[in-house]
Amino acid sequence: MFAQGSLLAQVRPSASASTAYTSTLRTEVTHIIVCNTSGSPAAFSIYHDDDGTTFDQTTALFWSAEIAADTTVSIISDAIGSGITVTRGGSIGVKPSVDRALTFSVYGVTEEVARGNR
């Protein structure tokens, strides 16, 4: 039996890099949804810093990826165990190109949830 994933974080940030999720337990991020709720195109960046909150070119997973107006992008791991592993104290960061135009939802499985399903 596989562990059930859950919503880890949901943010609608201003147009600067910010923390979406900081791990307090080892976590596998399995799904990130980016929703453009505005009537204009925008761009987004997503970051993974496994030991802090540096969100720049050195930790970028997606950099200035375009998203059309009123559109949703779904980023899903390909297989069980192939998500983004975030160690304790690590972070997932996000950045929209337009203030509060994008909502980021981060889903995954924490170490405690996974242990309970063995």
Protein backbone atom coordinates (compact mmCIF):
# COMPACT_ATOMS: atom_id res chain seq x y z
CA MET A 1 0.00 0.00 0.00
CA PHE A 2 1.26 3.47 -0.89
CA ALA A 3 1.07 6.49 1.41
CA GLN A 4 -1.65 8.99 0.61
CA GLY A 5 -0.29 12.39 -0.42
CA SER A 6 -1.74 15.60 0.94
CA LEU A 7 -1.66 19.34 0.42
CA LEU A 8 1.59 20.58 1.97
CA ALA A 9 1.30 24.25 1.03
CA GLN A 10 -0.73 26.71 -0.99
CA VAL A 11 0.48 30.25 -1.67
CA ARG A 12 -0.37 33.22 -3.88
CA PRO A 13 2.77 35.35 -3.55
CA SER A 14 3.86 38.74 -4.79
CA ALA A 15 6.32 38.96 -7.67
CA SER A 16 9.37 37.98 -5.66
CA ALA A 17 10.87 34.61 -4.75
CA SER A 18 9.31 33.29 -1.57
CA THR A 19 9.05 30.10 0.44
CA ALA A 20 6.07 27.90 -0.41
CA TYR A 21 7.02 24.97 1.83
CA THR A 22 9.69 24.26 4.45
CA SER A 23 10.11 20.66 5.51
CA THR A 24 10.14 19.69 9.17
CA LEU A 25 10.28 15.99 8.20
CA ARG A 26 11.78 14.29 5.17
CA THR A 27 9.20 14.85 2.42
CA GLU A 28 8.61 13.71 -1.14
CA VAL A 29 6.92 16.42 -3.20
CA THR A 30 4.87 14.54 -5.76
CA HIS A 31 2.75 17.21 -7.41
CA ILE A 32 2.89 20.98 -7.92
CA ILE A 33 -0.02 22.83 -9.48
CA VAL A 34 0.40 26.38 -10.80
CA CYS A 35 -2.87 28.19 -11.55
CA ASN A 36 -2.95 31.52 -13.36
CA THR A 37 -6.04 33.22 -11.97
CA SER A 38 -5.50 36.42 -13.93
CA GLY A 39 -6.66 37.42 -17.39
CA SER A 40 -3.07 37.96 -18.55
CA PRO A 41 -0.15 35.66 -19.31
CA ALA A 42 2.53 35.34 -16.65
CA ALA A 43 5.67 33.35 -15.90
CA PHE A 44 6.74 31.32 -12.90
CA SER A 45 9.89 29.93 -11.33
CA ILE A 46 10.10 27.03 -8.87
CA TYR A 47 13.11 26.35 -6.64
CA HIS A 48 14.39 23.55 -4.39
CA ASP A 49 17.00 24.38 -1.74
CA ASP A 50 17.63 21.29 0.35
CA ASP A 51 19.34 23.10 3.22
CA GLY A 52 17.86 26.58 3.31
CA THR A 53 15.99 29.24 1.39
CA THR A 54 18.25 30.38 -1.44
CA PHE A 55 15.91 30.91 -4.38
CA ASP A 56 17.89 31.93 -7.46
CA GLN A 57 19.47 30.38 -10.57
CA THR A 58 21.48 27.91 -8.45
CA THR A 59 18.35 26.22 -7.02
CA ALA A 60 15.91 26.66 -9.93
CA LEU A 61 13.82 23.71 -11.13
CA PHE A 62 11.73 25.88 -13.48
CA TRP A 63 12.90 29.32 -14.58
CA SER A 64 10.54 31.92 -16.05
CA ALA A 65 8.24 29.24 -17.48
CA GLU A 66 5.32 30.81 -19.35
CA ILE A 67 1.72 30.20 -18.31
CA ALA A 68 -1.22 31.53 -20.32
CA ALA A 69 -4.07 33.52 -18.78
CA ASP A 70 -6.69 31.49 -16.94
CA THR A 71 -4.61 28.30 -17.26
CA THR A 72 -3.37 25.59 -14.91
CA VAL A 73 -0.05 23.75 -15.18
CA SER A 74 0.32 20.44 -13.36
CA ILE A 75 3.81 19.13 -12.57
CA ILE A 76 3.65 15.48 -11.47
CA SER A 77 6.38 12.98 -10.63
CA ASP A 78 6.51 10.15 -13.18
CA ALA A 79 6.48 7.22 -10.75
CA ILE A 80 6.26 6.33 -7.06
CA GLY A 81 9.47 7.50 -5.39
CA SER A 82 10.44 9.85 -8.24
CA GLY A 83 9.27 13.08 -6.64
CA ILE A 84 11.43 15.85 -5.21
CA THR A 85 12.93 14.74 -1.89
CA VAL A 86 13.12 17.62 0.56
CA THR A 87 15.19 16.95 3.66
CA ARG A 88 14.43 18.45 7.06
CA GLY A 89 15.02 22.20 6.82
CA GLY A 90 14.88 22.19 3.03
CA SER A 91 12.47 24.36 1.10
CA ILE A 92 10.45 24.69 -2.06
CA GLY A 93 10.32 28.25 -3.31
CA VAL A 94 8.14 29.91 -5.93
CA LYS A 95 8.09 33.16 -7.86
CA PRO A 96 5.42 34.58 -10.17
CA SER A 97 6.28 37.33 -12.66
CA VAL A 98 3.12 39.26 -11.71
CA ASP A 99 1.96 40.08 -8.16
CA ARG A 100 -0.64 37.61 -6.91
CA ALA A 101 -1.52 36.34 -10.40
CA LEU A 102 -0.55 32.72 -9.69
CA THR A 103 -1.56 30.23 -7.03
CA PHE A 104 0.95 27.46 -6.25
CA SER A 105 -0.29 24.25 -4.60
CA VAL A 106 2.33 21.76 -3.37
CA TYR A 107 1.34 18.14 -2.64
CA GLY A 108 3.43 15.32 -1.22
CA VAL A 109 4.10 12.68 1.38
CA THR A 110 5.96 13.27 4.64
CA GLU A 111 8.16 10.66 6.29
CA GLU A 112 5.65 10.11 9.12
CA VAL A 113 2.72 9.49 6.75
CA ALA A 114 4.77 7.04 4.70
CA ARG A 115 5.85 5.09 7.82
CA GLY A 116 2.26 4.71 8.95
CA ASN A 117 1.35 2.92 5.72
CA ARG A 118 3.90 0.12 5.90
